[in-house]
Amino acid sequence: MKWLVLAAALCFPTGAMAQTCNGQISPEFAKQFADNWIAAWNSHDLARILEHYADDLEMYAPGIITVAGEPGGRLQGKAKVAAFGRRL
C-alpha cells in the first residue's frame, strides 16, 4: 500500500489545487495540505487518501501488471486506482 500512495503522490496537482493554484502555494497551504494528507494516510482510509488527488490521476507501478492485469502497468482515474488499492 505504501508504494501505491507514493506513486499517486507524484500525480499532482490535486483536484483542489488545480482549481486554485497559480503555480505557487503558500507555506500555510502546504502545511495544511501535508497535515491533512498525513492524517488521511494514518487513517488507512483509501477514499480519504484519494480525496487529495484529481479524478484523472494516473498511477504507474509494476504491481499493476500482476494485480490489476494491466499489461502496461498503468491505471488512469481515481476509480481504477481505488479498485486496485482495495485488492492489496
N, C-alpha and C. Protein backbone atom coordinates (compact mmCIF):
# COMPACT_ATOMS: atom_id res chain seq x y z
N MET A 1 0.83 -1.20 0.00
CA MET A 1 0.00 0.00 0.00
C MET A 1 0.87 1.26 0.00
N LYS A 2 2.04 1.20 0.64
CA LYS A 2 2.88 2.39 0.71
C LYS A 2 3.30 2.86 -0.67
N TRP A 3 3.69 1.95 -1.56
CA TRP A 3 4.12 2.36 -2.88
C TRP A 3 2.96 2.87 -3.71
N LEU A 4 1.74 2.42 -3.40
CA LEU A 4 0.55 2.93 -4.08
C LEU A 4 0.41 4.42 -3.83
N VAL A 5 0.52 4.80 -2.59
CA VAL A 5 0.37 6.21 -2.25
C VAL A 5 1.56 7.02 -2.74
N LEU A 6 2.74 6.47 -2.64
CA LEU A 6 3.92 7.17 -3.15
C LEU A 6 3.77 7.44 -4.64
N ALA A 7 3.33 6.45 -5.37
CA ALA A 7 3.15 6.64 -6.81
C ALA A 7 2.08 7.69 -7.08
N ALA A 8 0.99 7.64 -6.33
CA ALA A 8 -0.08 8.61 -6.52
C ALA A 8 0.36 10.01 -6.11
N ALA A 9 1.25 10.10 -5.14
CA ALA A 9 1.71 11.41 -4.69
C ALA A 9 2.44 12.17 -5.79
N LEU A 10 2.95 11.46 -6.76
CA LEU A 10 3.66 12.11 -7.85
C LEU A 10 2.72 12.65 -8.91
N CYS A 11 1.42 12.49 -8.73
CA CYS A 11 0.44 12.87 -9.75
C CYS A 11 -0.24 14.20 -9.42
N PHE A 12 0.52 15.17 -8.93
CA PHE A 12 -0.04 16.48 -8.65
C PHE A 12 -0.35 17.20 -9.94
N PRO A 13 -1.19 18.18 -10.01
CA PRO A 13 -1.88 18.78 -8.89
C PRO A 13 -3.12 18.01 -8.49
N THR A 14 -3.52 18.21 -7.27
CA THR A 14 -4.75 17.59 -6.79
C THR A 14 -5.92 18.35 -7.36
N GLY A 15 -7.09 17.78 -7.20
CA GLY A 15 -8.30 18.45 -7.68
C GLY A 15 -8.45 19.83 -7.08
N ALA A 16 -8.28 19.96 -5.77
CA ALA A 16 -8.43 21.25 -5.11
C ALA A 16 -7.35 22.23 -5.55
N MET A 17 -6.11 21.76 -5.64
CA MET A 17 -5.03 22.65 -6.02
C MET A 17 -5.16 23.09 -7.47
N ALA A 18 -5.59 22.20 -8.34
CA ALA A 18 -5.69 22.53 -9.76
C ALA A 18 -6.66 23.67 -10.00
N GLN A 19 -7.67 23.80 -9.16
CA GLN A 19 -8.67 24.84 -9.34
C GLN A 19 -8.22 26.18 -8.80
N THR A 20 -7.28 26.17 -7.85
CA THR A 20 -6.93 27.41 -7.18
C THR A 20 -5.46 27.80 -7.29
N CYS A 21 -4.63 26.94 -7.81
CA CYS A 21 -3.19 27.18 -7.78
C CYS A 21 -2.72 27.91 -9.05
N ASN A 22 -1.91 28.95 -8.85
CA ASN A 22 -1.33 29.68 -9.98
C ASN A 22 0.13 29.30 -10.18
N GLY A 23 0.53 28.17 -9.65
CA GLY A 23 1.91 27.72 -9.77
C GLY A 23 2.70 27.85 -8.49
N GLN A 24 2.15 28.58 -7.52
CA GLN A 24 2.80 28.72 -6.23
C GLN A 24 1.76 28.50 -5.14
N ILE A 25 2.21 27.94 -4.03
CA ILE A 25 1.32 27.79 -2.88
C ILE A 25 1.99 28.43 -1.67
N SER A 26 1.17 28.84 -0.76
CA SER A 26 1.70 29.47 0.44
C SER A 26 2.22 28.40 1.41
N PRO A 27 3.14 28.78 2.28
CA PRO A 27 3.60 27.84 3.29
C PRO A 27 2.45 27.33 4.17
N GLU A 28 1.48 28.18 4.44
CA GLU A 28 0.34 27.79 5.26
C GLU A 28 -0.48 26.71 4.55
N PHE A 29 -0.73 26.91 3.24
CA PHE A 29 -1.48 25.92 2.48
C PHE A 29 -0.71 24.60 2.42
N ALA A 30 0.60 24.69 2.19
CA ALA A 30 1.43 23.48 2.10
C ALA A 30 1.38 22.70 3.40
N LYS A 31 1.48 23.39 4.53
CA LYS A 31 1.43 22.71 5.84
C LYS A 31 0.07 22.09 6.07
N GLN A 32 -0.99 22.83 5.77
CA GLN A 32 -2.34 22.30 5.97
C GLN A 32 -2.57 21.07 5.08
N PHE A 33 -2.15 21.17 3.82
CA PHE A 33 -2.30 20.05 2.90
C PHE A 33 -1.53 18.83 3.41
N ALA A 34 -0.28 19.04 3.82
CA ALA A 34 0.55 17.95 4.32
C ALA A 34 -0.06 17.32 5.57
N ASP A 35 -0.52 18.15 6.49
CA ASP A 35 -1.15 17.64 7.72
C ASP A 35 -2.39 16.82 7.39
N ASN A 36 -3.20 17.31 6.45
CA ASN A 36 -4.41 16.58 6.06
C ASN A 36 -4.06 15.27 5.37
N TRP A 37 -3.03 15.30 4.51
CA TRP A 37 -2.64 14.09 3.80
C TRP A 37 -2.11 13.04 4.78
N ILE A 38 -1.27 13.48 5.72
CA ILE A 38 -0.71 12.55 6.72
C ILE A 38 -1.82 11.95 7.57
N ALA A 39 -2.78 12.77 7.97
CA ALA A 39 -3.91 12.25 8.76
C ALA A 39 -4.71 11.23 7.95
N ALA A 40 -4.91 11.50 6.67
CA ALA A 40 -5.63 10.56 5.81
C ALA A 40 -4.85 9.25 5.70
N TRP A 41 -3.55 9.35 5.45
CA TRP A 41 -2.71 8.16 5.34
C TRP A 41 -2.77 7.34 6.63
N ASN A 42 -2.63 8.00 7.76
CA ASN A 42 -2.64 7.30 9.04
C ASN A 42 -4.00 6.70 9.38
N SER A 43 -5.05 7.18 8.74
CA SER A 43 -6.38 6.63 8.98
C SER A 43 -6.57 5.30 8.24
N HIS A 44 -5.70 4.99 7.29
CA HIS A 44 -5.79 3.78 6.47
C HIS A 44 -7.10 3.74 5.67
N ASP A 45 -7.65 4.90 5.38
CA ASP A 45 -8.91 5.03 4.65
C ASP A 45 -8.58 5.46 3.22
N LEU A 46 -8.66 4.51 2.29
CA LEU A 46 -8.26 4.78 0.92
C LEU A 46 -9.05 5.92 0.30
N ALA A 47 -10.35 5.97 0.54
CA ALA A 47 -11.18 7.05 -0.01
C ALA A 47 -10.70 8.40 0.49
N ARG A 48 -10.37 8.46 1.77
CA ARG A 48 -9.89 9.73 2.36
C ARG A 48 -8.54 10.13 1.76
N ILE A 49 -7.68 9.17 1.53
CA ILE A 49 -6.38 9.46 0.91
C ILE A 49 -6.59 9.99 -0.51
N LEU A 50 -7.45 9.32 -1.27
CA LEU A 50 -7.65 9.70 -2.67
C LEU A 50 -8.36 11.04 -2.83
N GLU A 51 -8.96 11.56 -1.78
CA GLU A 51 -9.57 12.90 -1.85
C GLU A 51 -8.54 13.96 -2.20
N HIS A 52 -7.28 13.67 -1.97
CA HIS A 52 -6.20 14.62 -2.21
C HIS A 52 -5.74 14.65 -3.67
N TYR A 53 -6.34 13.83 -4.52
CA TYR A 53 -5.89 13.71 -5.90
C TYR A 53 -7.00 14.03 -6.88
N ALA A 54 -6.60 14.46 -8.06
CA ALA A 54 -7.55 14.77 -9.13
C ALA A 54 -8.21 13.47 -9.62
N ASP A 55 -9.42 13.61 -10.16
CA ASP A 55 -10.15 12.44 -10.65
C ASP A 55 -9.41 11.72 -11.77
N ASP A 56 -8.61 12.44 -12.53
CA ASP A 56 -7.92 11.82 -13.66
C ASP A 56 -6.47 11.42 -13.34
N LEU A 57 -6.18 11.17 -12.08
CA LEU A 57 -4.82 10.80 -11.71
C LEU A 57 -4.39 9.55 -12.45
N GLU A 58 -3.10 9.44 -12.70
CA GLU A 58 -2.51 8.28 -13.34
C GLU A 58 -1.51 7.66 -12.40
N MET A 59 -1.50 6.36 -12.37
CA MET A 59 -0.58 5.64 -11.49
C MET A 59 0.14 4.58 -12.31
N TYR A 60 1.44 4.54 -12.14
CA TYR A 60 2.29 3.55 -12.80
C TYR A 60 3.00 2.74 -11.72
N ALA A 61 2.95 1.42 -11.81
CA ALA A 61 3.65 0.57 -10.85
C ALA A 61 3.75 -0.84 -11.41
N PRO A 62 4.84 -1.53 -11.14
CA PRO A 62 4.98 -2.91 -11.63
C PRO A 62 3.87 -3.83 -11.12
N GLY A 63 3.41 -3.61 -9.89
CA GLY A 63 2.37 -4.46 -9.32
C GLY A 63 1.05 -4.40 -10.06
N ILE A 64 0.82 -3.33 -10.79
CA ILE A 64 -0.42 -3.18 -11.55
C ILE A 64 -0.50 -4.26 -12.63
N ILE A 65 0.64 -4.65 -13.16
CA ILE A 65 0.67 -5.67 -14.20
C ILE A 65 0.11 -6.98 -13.67
N THR A 66 0.56 -7.38 -12.50
CA THR A 66 0.13 -8.68 -11.95
C THR A 66 -1.18 -8.59 -11.19
N VAL A 67 -1.36 -7.58 -10.38
CA VAL A 67 -2.55 -7.49 -9.54
C VAL A 67 -3.78 -7.06 -10.33
N ALA A 68 -3.62 -6.03 -11.16
CA ALA A 68 -4.77 -5.49 -11.91
C ALA A 68 -4.88 -6.05 -13.32
N GLY A 69 -3.86 -6.79 -13.76
CA GLY A 69 -3.91 -7.37 -15.09
C GLY A 69 -3.77 -6.35 -16.21
N GLU A 70 -3.15 -5.21 -15.91
CA GLU A 70 -2.93 -4.16 -16.92
C GLU A 70 -1.51 -4.32 -17.45
N PRO A 71 -1.35 -4.77 -18.68
CA PRO A 71 0.00 -5.07 -19.20
C PRO A 71 0.95 -3.88 -19.21
N GLY A 72 0.44 -2.67 -19.32
CA GLY A 72 1.32 -1.50 -19.33
C GLY A 72 1.71 -1.02 -17.94
N GLY A 73 1.13 -1.62 -16.90
CA GLY A 73 1.44 -1.20 -15.54
C GLY A 73 0.91 0.18 -15.21
N ARG A 74 -0.17 0.59 -15.88
CA ARG A 74 -0.71 1.94 -15.73
C ARG A 74 -2.21 1.89 -15.45
N LEU A 75 -2.62 2.70 -14.48
CA LEU A 75 -4.05 2.90 -14.20
C LEU A 75 -4.36 4.38 -14.38
N GLN A 76 -5.49 4.68 -14.97
CA GLN A 76 -5.90 6.07 -15.13
C GLN A 76 -7.27 6.24 -14.52
N GLY A 77 -7.38 7.21 -13.62
CA GLY A 77 -8.64 7.53 -12.99
C GLY A 77 -8.69 7.07 -11.55
N LYS A 78 -9.29 7.90 -10.73
CA LYS A 78 -9.37 7.63 -9.31
C LYS A 78 -10.12 6.34 -9.02
N ALA A 79 -11.16 6.03 -9.78
CA ALA A 79 -11.94 4.82 -9.54
C ALA A 79 -11.10 3.56 -9.75
N LYS A 80 -10.28 3.55 -10.81
CA LYS A 80 -9.43 2.38 -11.07
C LYS A 80 -8.33 2.24 -10.01
N VAL A 81 -7.77 3.37 -9.60
CA VAL A 81 -6.73 3.33 -8.55
C VAL A 81 -7.34 2.84 -7.23
N ALA A 82 -8.56 3.30 -6.92
CA ALA A 82 -9.23 2.86 -5.69
C ALA A 82 -9.52 1.36 -5.73
N ALA A 83 -9.99 0.86 -6.87
CA ALA A 83 -10.26 -0.58 -7.00
C ALA A 83 -8.98 -1.37 -6.84
N PHE A 84 -7.89 -0.88 -7.43
CA PHE A 84 -6.60 -1.54 -7.29
C PHE A 84 -6.15 -1.54 -5.83
N GLY A 85 -6.28 -0.41 -5.16
CA GLY A 85 -5.88 -0.30 -3.76
C GLY A 85 -6.65 -1.24 -2.85
N ARG A 86 -7.92 -1.45 -3.15
CA ARG A 86 -8.73 -2.35 -2.33
C ARG A 86 -8.29 -3.81 -2.49
N ARG A 87 -7.64 -4.13 -3.60
CA ARG A 87 -7.19 -5.50 -3.83
C ARG A 87 -5.89 -5.81 -3.10
N LEU A 88 -5.18 -4.80 -2.64
CA LEU A 88 -3.89 -5.02 -1.99
C LEU A 88 -4.05 -5.45 -0.55
